[in-house]
Amino acid sequence: MPFGTVTLNDGNEFPTIAFGTGSTMKYQDVTDYVGQAIESGFSHIDTAQFYQTEGYVGLAIKESGLPRSSLYITTKYGGIGTPQQAIQQSLDKIGVSYLDLYLVHQPDALPDFESGWQEFEKMKKDGLARSIGVSNFTVEQLQTLLKTAIIRPTVNQIAFHPYNYASHKTLLEYCMKQNIVVEAYGSLNSITQNPGGPVDAVVDAAAKRIGATPNQVIFSWVRSKGVTIVTTSRSKERLFEYLAVEDLPPLTAEEIAAIDEAGAKGPPSRLLVARLAMQHSFGRFPLLFMWLAVAVMFSLLRFFMF
């Protein structure tokens, strides 16, 4: 069963999982990976001016042969040129006449929130973007924007995972109150960036109970918070794994609370993460990880000496 949609505050439908072309895919030819994602069942593709992947996204969409109406396209304004200039360049690169969602990639992309957001509102009124939103905005920044906004943002895309949930609770509550959908990137942080921390054990226990992978448990936890997902992978099998989250049994309230509590304890130390990474891969790449160990120790020495 595919992921569904949620209704945005402007009445448009928003697919609750997206394939992203940022992270490790920035500045690269992602044509094949986007095509693979579309073939696997992703209908929502996320790109950005900053990623420099818009042209490749457009090529993949063209090669898919699918009608424009069957895909949902998000891109972001990174502050290069005016918003009006940038959206036209993005449309030309992607090869479409409108965007489903256009985001302000980060707050400093708009030096003046009032006039900058007015340009975004004009794009929506002109039909260049069906929905407009923001990314990486705090509560305070949203409050400032909303003081003068006529059209409120539909989405706030943020980094969101168990280790920053406690610090983001107020932001999630505020967005819910304002009917702004929160979209999470970097949700697998506890697995990809901070393995070996307190979240691992509770996630593994939940995975065992429902017959899922740790990745799937994390995404189920994200969804339990009313948050949508943007993720990525070069592996077709991993993409199917992500999409299968929709068919899993839900986490219990106790499991969700246990992940919350474990995340509040914070991630493991960087030295532990490096040690775990070396234990995991030393056998295949001994020289590489020997140099990694040297680099970690050198950085620690510099920290304590200077």
Protein backbone atom coordinates (compact mmCIF):
# COMPACT_ATOMS: atom_id res chain seq x y z
CA MET A 1 0.00 0.00 0.00
CA PRO A 2 1.54 3.36 -0.97
CA PHE A 3 2.01 6.28 1.40
CA GLY A 4 -0.97 8.61 1.40
CA THR A 5 -1.30 12.38 1.39
CA VAL A 6 -2.18 15.11 3.87
CA THR A 7 -4.16 18.22 3.06
CA LEU A 8 -2.14 21.44 3.32
CA ASN A 9 -3.57 24.66 4.72
CA ASP A 10 -4.15 25.91 1.15
CA GLY A 11 -6.27 22.86 0.28
CA ASN A 12 -3.64 21.08 -1.86
CA GLU A 13 -2.72 17.45 -1.23
CA PHE A 14 0.83 16.69 -0.08
CA PRO A 15 2.43 13.20 -0.47
CA THR A 16 3.78 12.18 2.94
CA ILE A 17 7.04 10.65 1.72
CA ALA A 18 9.49 12.20 -0.75
CA PHE A 19 12.67 11.11 -2.47
CA GLY A 20 15.34 13.71 -1.79
CA THR A 21 18.32 14.68 -3.91
CA GLY A 22 20.32 16.50 -1.25
CA SER A 23 22.51 14.86 1.40
CA THR A 24 25.20 12.78 -0.35
CA MET A 25 23.61 13.38 -3.77
CA LYS A 26 24.26 17.12 -3.96
CA TYR A 27 26.22 18.35 -7.01
CA GLN A 28 25.95 14.95 -8.74
CA ASP A 29 24.14 13.43 -11.68
CA VAL A 30 21.14 11.87 -9.94
CA THR A 31 19.17 11.01 -13.09
CA ASP A 32 19.34 7.25 -12.57
CA TYR A 33 18.59 7.45 -8.85
CA VAL A 34 15.54 9.67 -9.37
CA GLY A 35 14.35 7.36 -12.14
CA GLN A 36 14.81 4.39 -9.84
CA ALA A 37 12.85 6.12 -7.10
CA ILE A 38 9.96 6.84 -9.47
CA GLU A 39 9.99 3.21 -10.66
CA SER A 40 9.96 2.05 -7.04
CA GLY A 41 6.82 4.03 -6.25
CA PHE A 42 7.92 7.49 -5.14
CA SER A 43 5.74 10.21 -6.65
CA HIS A 44 7.17 13.12 -4.64
CA ILE A 45 10.63 14.32 -5.72
CA ASP A 46 12.51 16.90 -3.65
CA THR A 47 15.34 19.02 -5.06
CA ALA A 48 16.80 22.50 -4.51
CA GLN A 49 18.64 25.36 -6.17
CA PHE A 50 21.55 24.71 -3.79
CA TYR A 51 21.76 20.98 -4.58
CA GLN A 52 22.41 21.64 -8.28
CA THR A 53 20.32 18.57 -9.12
CA GLU A 54 17.26 20.22 -10.67
CA GLY A 55 18.33 19.53 -14.25
CA TYR A 56 18.91 15.86 -13.52
CA VAL A 57 15.53 15.62 -11.78
CA GLY A 58 13.96 17.09 -14.90
CA LEU A 59 15.72 14.57 -17.12
CA ALA A 60 14.61 11.66 -14.96
CA ILE A 61 11.02 12.89 -15.02
CA LYS A 62 11.14 13.21 -18.80
CA GLU A 63 12.62 9.72 -19.17
CA SER A 64 9.93 8.25 -16.90
CA GLY A 65 7.27 9.11 -19.47
CA LEU A 66 4.79 9.84 -16.68
CA PRO A 67 2.32 12.70 -17.00
CA ARG A 68 3.17 15.82 -14.98
CA SER A 69 0.01 15.39 -12.92
CA SER A 70 1.21 12.06 -11.50
CA LEU A 71 4.30 13.59 -9.87
CA TYR A 72 4.73 16.05 -7.03
CA ILE A 73 7.79 18.29 -7.37
CA THR A 74 9.36 20.32 -4.57
CA THR A 75 12.34 22.63 -4.97
CA LYS A 76 13.83 25.37 -2.81
CA TYR A 77 15.09 28.90 -3.15
CA GLY A 78 18.61 29.18 -1.76
CA GLY A 79 19.15 32.92 -2.05
CA ILE A 80 20.86 33.03 -5.45
CA GLY A 81 19.20 35.76 -7.52
CA THR A 82 15.76 37.08 -6.67
CA PRO A 83 13.02 34.57 -5.87
CA GLN A 84 11.29 35.44 -9.16
CA GLN A 85 14.47 34.85 -11.15
CA ALA A 86 15.26 31.68 -9.25
CA ILE A 87 11.87 30.02 -9.66
CA GLN A 88 11.93 30.63 -13.41
CA GLN A 89 15.40 29.08 -13.63
CA SER A 90 14.22 26.10 -11.58
CA LEU A 91 11.16 25.62 -13.80
CA ASP A 92 13.36 25.75 -16.90
CA LYS A 93 15.87 23.24 -15.49
CA ILE A 94 13.20 20.80 -14.34
CA GLY A 95 11.24 21.30 -17.54
CA VAL A 96 7.85 22.02 -16.00
CA SER A 97 5.46 24.97 -16.03
CA TYR A 98 4.71 24.94 -12.30
CA LEU A 99 6.02 23.56 -9.02
CA ASP A 100 3.85 21.73 -6.54
CA LEU A 101 5.80 23.22 -3.63
CA TYR A 102 8.41 26.00 -3.49
CA LEU A 103 10.30 26.45 -0.23
CA VAL A 104 12.59 29.08 1.24
CA HIS A 105 15.56 26.79 1.84
CA GLN A 106 16.85 28.62 4.91
CA PRO A 107 15.83 31.82 6.69
CA ASP A 108 18.82 33.86 5.51
CA ALA A 109 17.76 33.30 1.89
CA LEU A 110 15.27 36.11 2.58
CA PRO A 111 17.16 39.10 4.03
CA ASP A 112 13.79 40.78 4.58
CA PHE A 113 10.98 38.36 5.46
CA GLU A 114 8.14 40.74 4.58
CA SER A 115 9.20 41.68 1.04
CA GLY A 116 10.74 38.28 0.32
CA TRP A 117 7.63 36.37 1.33
CA GLN A 118 5.51 38.75 -0.75
CA GLU A 119 7.44 37.48 -3.79
CA PHE A 120 6.58 33.91 -2.81
CA GLU A 121 2.93 34.86 -2.42
CA LYS A 122 3.00 36.38 -5.91
CA MET A 123 4.42 33.15 -7.34
CA LYS A 124 1.50 31.23 -5.88
CA LYS A 125 -1.02 33.76 -7.19
CA ASP A 126 0.64 33.60 -10.63
CA GLY A 127 0.44 29.80 -10.70
CA LEU A 128 4.19 29.21 -10.72
CA ALA A 129 3.96 27.32 -7.43
CA ARG A 130 0.80 25.65 -6.19
CA SER A 131 1.99 25.76 -2.59
CA ILE A 132 4.69 27.77 -0.82
CA GLY A 133 6.57 27.03 2.37
CA VAL A 134 9.80 27.25 4.30
CA SER A 135 12.67 25.10 5.52
CA ASN A 136 14.81 25.22 8.65
CA PHE A 137 12.67 27.94 10.28
CA THR A 138 12.46 28.24 14.07
CA VAL A 139 9.36 29.24 16.02
CA GLU A 140 10.63 32.81 16.30
CA GLN A 141 11.30 33.05 12.56
CA LEU A 142 7.87 31.68 11.73
CA GLN A 143 6.28 34.17 14.10
CA THR A 144 8.11 37.02 12.39
CA LEU A 145 7.06 35.80 8.95
CA LEU A 146 3.43 35.35 9.96
CA LYS A 147 3.15 38.90 11.29
CA THR A 148 3.01 40.22 7.72
CA ALA A 149 2.15 37.16 5.64
CA ILE A 150 -1.12 37.09 3.74
CA ILE A 151 -0.60 33.46 2.69
CA ARG A 152 0.87 31.34 5.45
CA PRO A 153 3.55 28.71 4.74
CA THR A 154 2.14 25.26 4.12
CA VAL A 155 5.26 23.29 5.08
CA ASN A 156 8.34 23.68 7.27
CA GLN A 157 11.02 21.16 6.27
CA ILE A 158 13.47 20.54 9.12
CA ALA A 159 16.10 18.11 10.37
CA PHE A 160 14.18 15.82 12.72
CA HIS A 161 15.22 12.63 14.50
CA PRO A 162 15.09 11.07 17.99
CA TYR A 163 18.16 12.95 19.20
CA ASN A 164 16.71 16.41 18.47
CA TYR A 165 13.05 15.68 19.21
CA ALA A 166 13.20 17.14 22.70
CA SER A 167 14.58 20.44 21.40
CA HIS A 168 12.03 20.51 18.56
CA LYS A 169 8.86 19.75 20.52
CA THR A 170 7.93 23.42 20.82
CA LEU A 171 8.44 23.91 17.07
CA LEU A 172 6.26 20.89 16.26
CA GLU A 173 3.53 22.14 18.58
CA TYR A 174 3.65 25.62 17.07
CA CYS A 175 3.49 24.30 13.50
CA MET A 176 0.54 22.10 14.39
CA LYS A 177 -1.24 25.07 15.95
CA GLN A 178 -0.63 27.12 12.80
CA ASN A 179 -1.64 24.22 10.51
CA ILE A 180 1.85 24.06 8.99
CA VAL A 181 2.96 20.55 8.01
CA VAL A 182 6.39 19.55 9.30
CA GLU A 183 8.50 17.54 6.87
CA ALA A 184 11.55 15.73 8.25
CA TYR A 185 14.93 15.21 6.66
CA GLY A 186 17.83 13.40 8.35
CA SER A 187 15.47 11.17 10.34
CA LEU A 188 17.85 8.20 10.24
CA ASN A 189 20.51 10.19 12.11
CA SER A 190 20.64 7.68 14.98
CA ILE A 191 21.51 4.94 12.48
CA THR A 192 23.63 6.69 9.85
CA GLN A 193 25.39 9.40 11.88
CA ASN A 194 25.19 8.39 15.54
CA PRO A 195 25.12 4.58 15.86
CA GLY A 196 25.77 3.03 19.24
CA GLY A 197 23.66 5.51 21.20
CA PRO A 198 20.76 4.94 23.61
CA VAL A 199 18.17 4.96 20.82
CA ASP A 200 19.54 1.77 19.26
CA ALA A 201 18.30 -0.71 21.87
CA VAL A 202 14.71 0.52 22.01
CA VAL A 203 14.50 0.75 18.21
CA ASP A 204 15.89 -2.78 17.86
CA ALA A 205 13.34 -4.10 20.37
CA ALA A 206 10.46 -2.50 18.49
CA ALA A 207 11.83 -3.79 15.18
CA LYS A 208 11.92 -7.32 16.54
CA ARG A 209 8.34 -7.12 17.80
CA ILE A 210 6.79 -5.94 14.52
CA GLY A 211 9.17 -7.76 12.15
CA ALA A 212 10.68 -4.57 10.76
CA THR A 213 14.08 -3.01 10.22
CA PRO A 214 15.49 -0.25 12.46
CA ASN A 215 15.07 2.19 9.53
CA GLN A 216 11.39 1.34 9.32
CA VAL A 217 10.92 1.79 13.07
CA ILE A 218 12.47 5.26 12.92
CA PHE A 219 10.16 6.28 10.08
CA SER A 220 7.17 4.85 11.99
CA TRP A 221 8.23 6.94 14.99
CA VAL A 222 8.48 10.07 12.78
CA ARG A 223 4.98 9.45 11.49
CA SER A 224 3.68 9.00 15.03
CA LYS A 225 4.63 12.64 15.62
CA GLY A 226 2.46 13.78 12.71
CA VAL A 227 5.57 14.51 10.64
CA THR A 228 6.07 13.67 6.97
CA ILE A 229 9.30 12.31 5.49
CA VAL A 230 11.90 13.15 2.87
CA THR A 231 14.58 10.50 2.51
CA THR A 232 17.01 9.12 -0.03
CA SER A 233 18.99 6.06 -1.03
CA ARG A 234 20.90 4.73 -4.01
CA SER A 235 19.60 1.24 -3.24
CA LYS A 236 16.36 0.08 -4.82
CA GLU A 237 15.91 -2.47 -2.05
CA ARG A 238 16.23 0.26 0.55
CA LEU A 239 13.61 2.37 -1.24
CA PHE A 240 11.17 -0.55 -1.14
CA GLU A 241 12.00 -0.94 2.55
CA TYR A 242 11.08 2.68 3.20
CA LEU A 243 7.82 2.49 1.26
CA ALA A 244 6.82 -0.70 3.11
CA VAL A 245 6.55 1.30 6.35
CA GLU A 246 2.96 2.07 5.40
CA ASP A 247 2.05 -1.63 5.78
CA LEU A 248 3.70 -2.22 9.17
CA PRO A 249 1.82 -2.55 12.47
CA PRO A 250 1.92 0.74 14.38
CA LEU A 251 4.32 1.30 17.25
CA THR A 252 2.77 1.14 20.70
CA ALA A 253 2.54 4.23 22.89
CA GLU A 254 5.15 2.62 25.13
CA GLU A 255 7.57 2.10 22.24
CA ILE A 256 7.13 5.70 21.07
CA ALA A 257 7.75 6.98 24.59
CA ALA A 258 10.83 4.77 24.95
CA ILE A 259 12.33 6.23 21.74
CA ASP A 260 11.51 9.73 22.99
CA GLU A 261 13.24 9.08 26.31
CA ALA A 262 16.27 7.42 24.73
CA GLY A 263 16.66 10.29 22.28
CA ALA A 264 16.52 12.83 25.10
CA LYS A 265 19.68 11.26 26.56
CA GLY A 266 21.58 12.50 23.53
CA PRO A 267 23.76 10.83 20.88
CA PRO A 268 26.94 8.89 21.66
CA SER A 269 30.28 10.68 21.71
CA ARG A 270 32.05 11.22 18.39
CA LEU A 271 34.93 9.02 19.54
CA LEU A 272 32.53 6.12 20.17
CA VAL A 273 30.92 6.62 16.76
CA ALA A 274 34.33 6.50 15.08
CA ARG A 275 35.27 3.36 17.03
CA LEU A 276 32.02 1.61 16.05
CA ALA A 277 32.50 2.56 12.41
CA MET A 278 36.00 1.09 12.45
CA GLN A 279 34.80 -2.12 14.10
CA HIS A 280 32.11 -2.46 11.45
CA SER A 281 34.29 -1.91 8.40
CA PHE A 282 37.91 -2.47 9.44
CA GLY A 283 38.08 -5.88 7.82
CA ARG A 284 37.24 -4.51 4.37
CA PHE A 285 39.12 -1.22 4.46
CA PRO A 286 41.90 -1.51 7.05
CA LEU A 287 44.14 1.26 5.71
CA LEU A 288 41.29 3.73 5.29
CA PHE A 289 40.09 3.23 8.83
CA MET A 290 43.58 3.35 10.27
CA TRP A 291 43.88 6.84 8.81
CA LEU A 292 40.39 7.68 10.13
CA ALA A 293 41.56 6.75 13.62
CA VAL A 294 44.63 8.94 13.23
CA ALA A 295 42.45 11.85 12.05
CA VAL A 296 40.08 11.50 15.01
CA MET A 297 42.93 11.38 17.52
CA PHE A 298 44.64 14.37 15.89
CA SER A 299 41.45 16.44 16.06
CA LEU A 300 41.05 15.57 19.74
CA LEU A 301 44.64 16.56 20.48
CA ARG A 302 44.13 19.91 18.73
CA PHE A 303 40.91 20.47 20.67
CA PHE A 304 42.53 19.94 24.06
CA MET A 305 45.80 21.69 23.23
CA PHE A 306 44.33 24.81 21.63
